[in-house]
């Protein structure tokens, strides 16, 4: 819900090389960076688009639009279009930089081995250049053409996602997704700031909902993919603390999420219709989150965790669709 200021060396930066199994043996790594045979000029458009993580881009644009709709005040259609385009470009830039930096570990994990860089369809250098250009141009354009406050929040999003989360937290702490989740929670604040020039309490409530929503589905997915993360030496919570402790934290964050989802009405956002829908969706979310704790064998736990992951996507979409419908 991407957007993630350090100096980046395009071809050589220090990073610990992950341990590998049979999959690792099939991957060439040179100075921590996978050897690239892809020709950037000949790269196919779909591969270049995949670098930008279009599904993440769409979620960023959607939640940003909800922030704009919920904000008090008016914004012209040109500024609206510019804001959404800049958020999409910023998210795409962060996605490309994330794939550039993580190419070595992406090649070790089944879920990500088919991405453009590990599969040699796009050169790492091209991902780096496109990511930097999109990230910089999106922030400058939003600051100049809309307002500097929105541009500053977009820059903060990129700084959290790329240097803080991707380059530092992801490989060092099981709390990576908690802190890094702030990047995905900022798009509604960017949209709100584009309208008002500030981040009022209402914007912070929308931020809080996404921030608290992020850990449960990603931890649930990590339970199912723990061997992938272990192979790549990524300290996701199930790898470090085990699935039982992860299930407990999923339920704790789910309780906090449902409580936060009921706050918008208190700040003049959503109204009773939204609050009612949020309460029903929240109850289902809690039931599914609690069910993970009741499973004691790996197969059953993974099945239930996958169900929470799938429902969590629907939950966030439905919540923000309702916010959008009741704020326009």
Protein backbone atom coordinates (compact mmCIF):
# COMPACT_ATOMS: atom_id res chain seq x y z
CA UNK A 1 0.00 0.00 0.00
CA UNK A 2 4.16 0.52 -1.47
CA UNK A 3 6.18 4.39 -1.32
CA UNK A 4 8.57 3.18 0.80
CA UNK A 5 17.61 9.49 1.78
CA UNK A 6 20.55 7.50 1.45
CA UNK A 7 23.16 7.35 -1.26
CA UNK A 8 22.67 4.25 -3.43
CA UNK A 9 25.48 2.65 -5.42
CA UNK A 10 24.06 1.06 -8.52
CA UNK A 11 26.38 -1.87 -8.83
CA UNK A 12 28.02 -2.67 -5.51
CA UNK A 13 26.82 -2.24 -1.97
CA UNK A 14 27.57 -4.28 1.11
CA UNK A 15 24.98 -6.81 2.19
CA UNK A 16 25.02 -10.15 3.88
CA UNK A 17 24.52 -13.00 1.48
CA UNK A 18 21.64 -15.27 2.52
CA UNK A 19 22.10 -18.91 3.15
CA UNK A 20 20.73 -21.11 0.42
CA UNK A 21 19.50 -24.59 -0.24
CA UNK A 22 18.96 -26.27 -3.58
CA UNK A 23 17.28 -23.17 -4.96
CA UNK A 24 20.24 -21.05 -3.93
CA UNK A 25 22.56 -23.26 -5.91
CA UNK A 26 20.65 -22.38 -9.05
CA UNK A 27 21.15 -18.65 -8.50
CA UNK A 28 24.36 -16.78 -9.34
CA UNK A 29 25.22 -14.00 -6.91
CA UNK A 30 28.02 -11.53 -7.53
CA UNK A 31 28.85 -9.09 -4.71
CA UNK A 32 25.43 -9.78 -3.19
CA UNK A 33 23.69 -8.87 -6.42
CA UNK A 34 22.35 -11.44 -8.86
CA UNK A 35 24.21 -11.59 -12.16
CA UNK A 36 22.09 -10.04 -14.86
CA UNK A 37 21.94 -11.02 -18.53
CA UNK A 38 18.79 -9.05 -19.28
CA UNK A 39 19.05 -6.31 -21.85
CA UNK A 40 17.20 -3.27 -20.54
CA UNK A 41 16.48 -1.97 -24.05
CA UNK A 42 14.96 -5.25 -25.10
CA UNK A 43 12.99 -5.79 -21.90
CA UNK A 44 9.32 -6.38 -22.53
CA UNK A 45 6.80 -3.80 -21.33
CA UNK A 46 4.99 -6.30 -19.06
CA UNK A 47 8.28 -7.07 -17.29
CA UNK A 48 8.99 -3.37 -16.77
CA UNK A 49 5.46 -2.88 -15.43
CA UNK A 50 5.89 -5.85 -13.08
CA UNK A 51 8.87 -4.03 -11.53
CA UNK A 52 6.48 -1.33 -10.37
CA UNK A 53 4.24 -3.78 -8.46
CA UNK A 54 0.99 -2.66 -10.13
CA UNK A 55 -1.28 -4.32 -7.55
CA UNK A 56 0.42 -2.34 -4.80
CA UNK A 57 0.17 0.79 -6.95
CA UNK A 58 -3.57 0.30 -7.35
CA UNK A 59 -4.05 -0.08 -3.60
CA UNK A 60 -1.99 3.07 -2.98
CA UNK A 61 -4.04 5.07 -5.47
CA UNK A 62 -7.30 3.71 -4.07
CA UNK A 63 -6.57 4.48 -0.41
CA UNK A 64 -5.12 7.84 -1.41
CA UNK A 65 -8.34 8.66 -3.23
CA UNK A 66 -10.32 7.76 -0.12
CA UNK A 67 -8.17 10.18 1.88
CA UNK A 68 -8.96 12.90 -0.65
CA UNK A 69 -12.69 12.15 -0.57
CA UNK A 70 -12.82 12.09 3.25
CA UNK A 71 -10.88 15.33 3.69
CA UNK A 72 -12.81 18.53 4.34
CA UNK A 73 -12.52 21.05 1.55
CA UNK A 74 -12.38 20.99 -2.21
CA UNK A 75 -9.70 20.15 -4.75
CA UNK A 76 -9.87 20.65 -8.51
CA UNK A 77 -9.94 17.76 -10.93
CA UNK A 78 -6.49 18.63 -12.29
CA UNK A 79 -4.95 18.56 -8.83
CA UNK A 80 -6.81 15.34 -8.10
CA UNK A 81 -5.42 13.68 -11.22
CA UNK A 82 -1.90 14.95 -10.52
CA UNK A 83 -2.03 13.68 -6.95
CA UNK A 84 -3.17 10.21 -7.94
CA UNK A 85 -0.63 9.98 -10.78
CA UNK A 86 2.19 11.08 -8.48
CA UNK A 87 1.17 8.56 -5.83
CA UNK A 88 1.09 5.81 -8.45
CA UNK A 89 4.51 6.86 -9.76
CA UNK A 90 5.94 7.07 -6.26
CA UNK A 91 4.62 3.63 -5.39
CA UNK A 92 6.00 2.25 -8.64
CA UNK A 93 9.39 3.79 -7.97
CA UNK A 94 9.51 2.22 -4.53
CA UNK A 95 8.49 -1.13 -5.98
CA UNK A 96 11.31 -0.99 -8.53
CA UNK A 97 13.88 -0.02 -5.88
CA UNK A 98 12.63 -2.79 -3.62
CA UNK A 99 13.01 -5.37 -6.39
CA UNK A 100 16.48 -4.01 -7.26
CA UNK A 101 17.73 -4.27 -3.69
CA UNK A 102 16.05 -7.58 -2.91
CA UNK A 103 16.99 -9.38 -6.14
CA UNK A 104 19.35 -11.73 -4.30
CA UNK A 105 16.82 -12.96 -1.77
CA UNK A 106 13.94 -12.89 -4.28
CA UNK A 107 15.84 -15.51 -6.24
CA UNK A 108 15.89 -17.80 -3.20
CA UNK A 109 12.18 -17.77 -2.47
CA UNK A 110 9.54 -19.67 -4.40
CA UNK A 111 7.03 -16.82 -4.13
CA UNK A 112 9.38 -14.22 -5.66
CA UNK A 113 11.80 -16.22 -7.84
CA UNK A 114 9.77 -15.39 -10.94
CA UNK A 115 10.12 -11.62 -10.53
CA UNK A 116 11.74 -9.77 -13.46
CA UNK A 117 15.26 -9.38 -12.01
CA UNK A 118 15.85 -12.86 -10.52
CA UNK A 119 14.51 -14.42 -13.72
CA UNK A 120 16.86 -12.25 -15.83
CA UNK A 121 14.09 -10.51 -17.75
CA UNK A 122 15.08 -7.02 -16.56
CA UNK A 123 18.56 -5.78 -15.64
CA UNK A 124 19.06 -4.64 -12.05
CA UNK A 125 20.58 -1.37 -13.28
CA UNK A 126 17.40 -0.53 -15.20
CA UNK A 127 15.27 -1.19 -12.12
CA UNK A 128 17.50 1.10 -10.06
CA UNK A 129 17.41 3.94 -12.59
CA UNK A 130 13.66 3.74 -13.19
CA UNK A 131 12.97 3.50 -9.45
CA UNK A 132 15.07 6.55 -8.64
CA UNK A 133 13.57 8.60 -11.47
CA UNK A 134 9.99 7.76 -10.57
CA UNK A 135 10.53 8.37 -6.85
CA UNK A 136 12.22 11.74 -7.33
CA UNK A 137 9.97 13.05 -10.10
CA UNK A 138 6.79 12.07 -8.25
CA UNK A 139 7.80 13.95 -5.09
CA UNK A 140 8.96 17.05 -6.99
CA UNK A 141 5.86 17.12 -9.20
CA UNK A 142 3.43 16.69 -6.31
CA UNK A 143 5.20 19.39 -4.26
CA UNK A 144 5.23 21.92 -7.12
CA UNK A 145 1.92 21.19 -8.84
CA UNK A 146 -0.29 20.48 -5.79
CA UNK A 147 1.31 21.51 -2.47
CA UNK A 148 4.57 20.89 -0.60
CA UNK A 149 2.84 19.17 2.32
CA UNK A 150 1.52 16.35 0.14
CA UNK A 151 4.94 16.11 -1.50
CA UNK A 152 6.60 15.85 1.90
CA UNK A 153 4.35 12.95 2.93
CA UNK A 154 5.08 11.17 -0.34
CA UNK A 155 8.81 11.65 0.28
CA UNK A 156 8.37 10.28 3.81
CA UNK A 157 6.58 7.24 2.40
CA UNK A 158 9.47 6.52 0.04
CA UNK A 159 12.04 7.03 2.80
CA UNK A 160 10.27 4.58 5.10
CA UNK A 161 9.77 1.91 2.46
CA UNK A 162 13.13 1.91 0.71
CA UNK A 163 15.98 2.87 3.08
CA UNK A 164 14.27 2.04 6.37
CA UNK A 165 12.24 -1.08 5.57
CA UNK A 166 13.84 -2.62 2.47
CA UNK A 167 17.49 -1.83 3.18
CA UNK A 168 17.57 -2.00 6.97
CA UNK A 169 14.64 -3.52 8.85
CA UNK A 170 13.62 -6.38 6.56
CA UNK A 171 16.78 -8.43 7.12
CA UNK A 172 17.39 -7.47 10.75
CA UNK A 173 14.23 -7.63 12.87
CA UNK A 174 10.96 -9.60 13.07
CA UNK A 175 9.23 -6.25 13.62
CA UNK A 176 10.12 -5.31 10.03
CA UNK A 177 6.56 -5.39 8.75
CA UNK A 178 5.22 -3.44 11.76
CA UNK A 179 7.51 -0.45 11.33
CA UNK A 180 7.72 -0.70 7.57
CA UNK A 181 3.93 -0.84 7.43
CA UNK A 182 3.87 2.90 8.07
CA UNK A 183 4.80 3.40 4.41
CA UNK A 184 1.69 1.58 3.21
CA UNK A 185 -0.47 3.51 5.68
CA UNK A 186 0.53 6.98 4.45
CA UNK A 187 -1.35 7.22 1.09
CA UNK A 188 -4.63 8.42 2.70
CA UNK A 189 -2.57 11.08 4.51
CA UNK A 190 -1.03 12.15 1.21
CA UNK A 191 -4.48 12.43 -0.36
CA UNK A 192 -5.84 14.32 2.65
CA UNK A 193 -2.87 16.73 2.62
CA UNK A 194 -3.38 17.34 -1.10
CA UNK A 195 -6.82 18.74 -0.25
CA UNK A 196 -6.15 20.51 3.05
CA UNK A 197 -2.41 21.13 3.09
CA UNK A 198 -2.14 19.37 6.45
CA UNK A 199 -2.59 16.06 8.25
CA UNK A 200 -5.60 16.51 10.52
CA UNK A 201 -6.74 13.93 13.11
CA UNK A 202 -9.09 12.37 10.56
CA UNK A 203 -6.17 11.61 8.27
CA UNK A 204 -4.27 10.05 11.16
CA UNK A 205 -7.22 7.76 11.90
CA UNK A 206 -7.12 6.47 8.32
CA UNK A 207 -3.36 6.00 8.72
CA UNK A 208 -3.91 4.06 11.94
CA UNK A 209 -6.39 1.66 10.33
CA UNK A 210 -3.99 0.63 7.58
CA UNK A 211 -1.01 0.61 9.95
CA UNK A 212 -2.74 -1.85 12.29
CA UNK A 213 -4.16 -3.87 9.40
CA UNK A 214 -0.74 -4.57 7.84
CA UNK A 215 0.83 -7.09 10.31
CA UNK A 216 -1.97 -9.72 10.54
CA UNK A 217 -2.19 -10.69 6.85
CA UNK A 218 1.55 -10.53 6.27
CA UNK A 219 2.26 -12.61 9.37
CA UNK A 220 -0.44 -15.06 8.28
CA UNK A 221 1.23 -15.36 4.89
CA UNK A 222 4.62 -15.73 6.59
CA UNK A 223 3.27 -18.68 8.58
CA UNK A 224 2.47 -20.41 5.31
CA UNK A 225 5.76 -19.39 3.68
CA UNK A 226 8.10 -19.69 6.67
CA UNK A 227 10.46 -22.07 4.85
CA UNK A 228 10.90 -19.49 2.09
CA UNK A 229 11.82 -16.78 4.57
CA UNK A 230 14.09 -19.12 6.52
CA UNK A 231 15.94 -20.08 3.34
CA UNK A 232 16.52 -16.41 2.53
CA UNK A 233 17.56 -15.52 6.11
CA UNK A 234 14.70 -13.07 6.55
CA UNK A 235 13.71 -12.90 10.24
CA UNK A 236 9.95 -12.88 9.80
CA UNK A 237 8.08 -13.45 13.05
CA UNK A 238 7.10 -17.12 12.41
CA UNK A 239 10.75 -17.93 11.66
CA UNK A 240 12.06 -16.23 14.81
CA UNK A 241 9.26 -16.79 17.35
CA UNK A 242 7.35 -19.73 15.86
CA UNK A 243 3.78 -20.01 14.50
CA UNK A 244 2.09 -20.15 17.92
CA UNK A 245 3.56 -16.84 19.10
CA UNK A 246 2.81 -15.34 15.69
CA UNK A 247 -0.82 -16.44 15.91
CA UNK A 248 -1.15 -14.68 19.28
CA UNK A 249 0.28 -11.45 17.90
CA UNK A 250 -2.01 -11.68 14.88
CA UNK A 251 -5.01 -11.80 17.20
CA UNK A 252 -3.74 -8.89 19.33
CA UNK A 253 -3.22 -6.70 16.28
CA UNK A 254 -6.62 -7.76 14.95
CA UNK A 255 -8.31 -6.51 18.12
CA UNK A 256 -6.48 -3.18 17.80
CA UNK A 257 -7.42 -2.98 14.13
CA UNK A 258 -11.12 -3.53 14.71
CA UNK A 259 -11.12 -0.91 17.47
CA UNK A 260 -9.38 1.60 15.19
CA UNK A 261 -11.78 0.86 12.34
CA UNK A 262 -14.66 2.19 14.47
CA UNK A 263 -12.98 5.55 15.10
CA UNK A 264 -13.70 7.46 11.85
CA UNK A 265 -17.30 8.34 12.84
CA UNK A 266 -15.95 10.17 15.91
CA UNK A 267 -13.95 12.40 13.55
CA UNK A 268 -16.81 13.10 11.16
CA UNK A 269 -15.89 10.43 8.61
CA UNK A 270 -18.10 7.60 7.40
CA UNK A 271 -21.15 7.93 9.61
CA UNK A 272 -23.39 5.17 11.02
CA UNK A 273 -23.53 3.12 7.82
CA UNK A 274 -19.77 2.83 7.70
CA UNK A 275 -19.56 2.08 11.41
CA UNK A 276 -22.10 -0.73 11.15
CA UNK A 277 -20.33 -2.34 8.21
CA UNK A 278 -16.95 -1.95 9.94
CA UNK A 279 -18.31 -3.68 13.04
CA UNK A 280 -19.61 -6.67 11.06
CA UNK A 281 -16.44 -7.01 9.01
CA UNK A 282 -14.38 -6.64 12.17
CA UNK A 283 -16.23 -9.43 13.91
CA UNK A 284 -15.51 -11.79 10.99
CA UNK A 285 -11.86 -10.68 10.99
CA UNK A 286 -11.53 -11.49 14.70
CA UNK A 287 -13.12 -14.92 14.27
CA UNK A 288 -10.69 -15.79 11.49
CA UNK A 289 -7.71 -14.42 13.41
CA UNK A 290 -8.62 -16.35 16.55
CA UNK A 291 -9.06 -19.55 14.53
CA UNK A 292 -5.33 -19.62 13.74
CA UNK A 293 -4.55 -20.08 17.44
CA UNK A 294 -6.81 -23.13 17.63
CA UNK A 295 -4.87 -25.06 14.98
CA UNK A 296 -2.04 -27.24 16.27
CA UNK A 297 -0.86 -29.03 13.14
CA UNK A 298 0.98 -27.27 10.31
CA UNK A 299 -1.43 -28.15 7.50
CA UNK A 300 -4.54 -26.94 9.33
CA UNK A 301 -2.76 -23.81 10.61
CA UNK A 302 -1.56 -22.91 7.12
CA UNK A 303 -5.03 -23.41 5.67
CA UNK A 304 -6.65 -21.15 8.26
CA UNK A 305 -3.86 -18.57 7.97
CA UNK A 306 -4.39 -18.42 4.21
CA UNK A 307 -8.09 -17.82 4.77
CA UNK A 308 -7.29 -14.85 7.01
CA UNK A 309 -4.85 -13.51 4.43
CA UNK A 310 -7.48 -13.71 1.69
CA UNK A 311 -10.24 -12.21 3.84
CA UNK A 312 -7.97 -9.38 5.01
CA UNK A 313 -7.66 -8.11 1.42
CA UNK A 314 -11.43 -8.10 1.03
CA UNK A 315 -11.79 -6.52 4.48
CA UNK A 316 -9.56 -3.55 3.66
CA UNK A 317 -11.15 -3.06 0.25
CA UNK A 318 -14.70 -3.20 1.64
CA UNK A 319 -13.83 -0.88 4.52
CA UNK A 320 -12.38 1.79 2.26
CA UNK A 321 -15.05 1.42 -0.42
CA UNK A 322 -17.61 2.12 2.30
CA UNK A 323 -15.59 5.10 3.50
CA UNK A 324 -15.43 6.39 -0.06
CA UNK A 325 -19.16 5.90 -0.65
CA UNK A 326 -20.12 7.62 2.60
CA UNK A 327 -17.68 10.50 2.17
CA UNK A 328 -18.73 11.65 -1.31
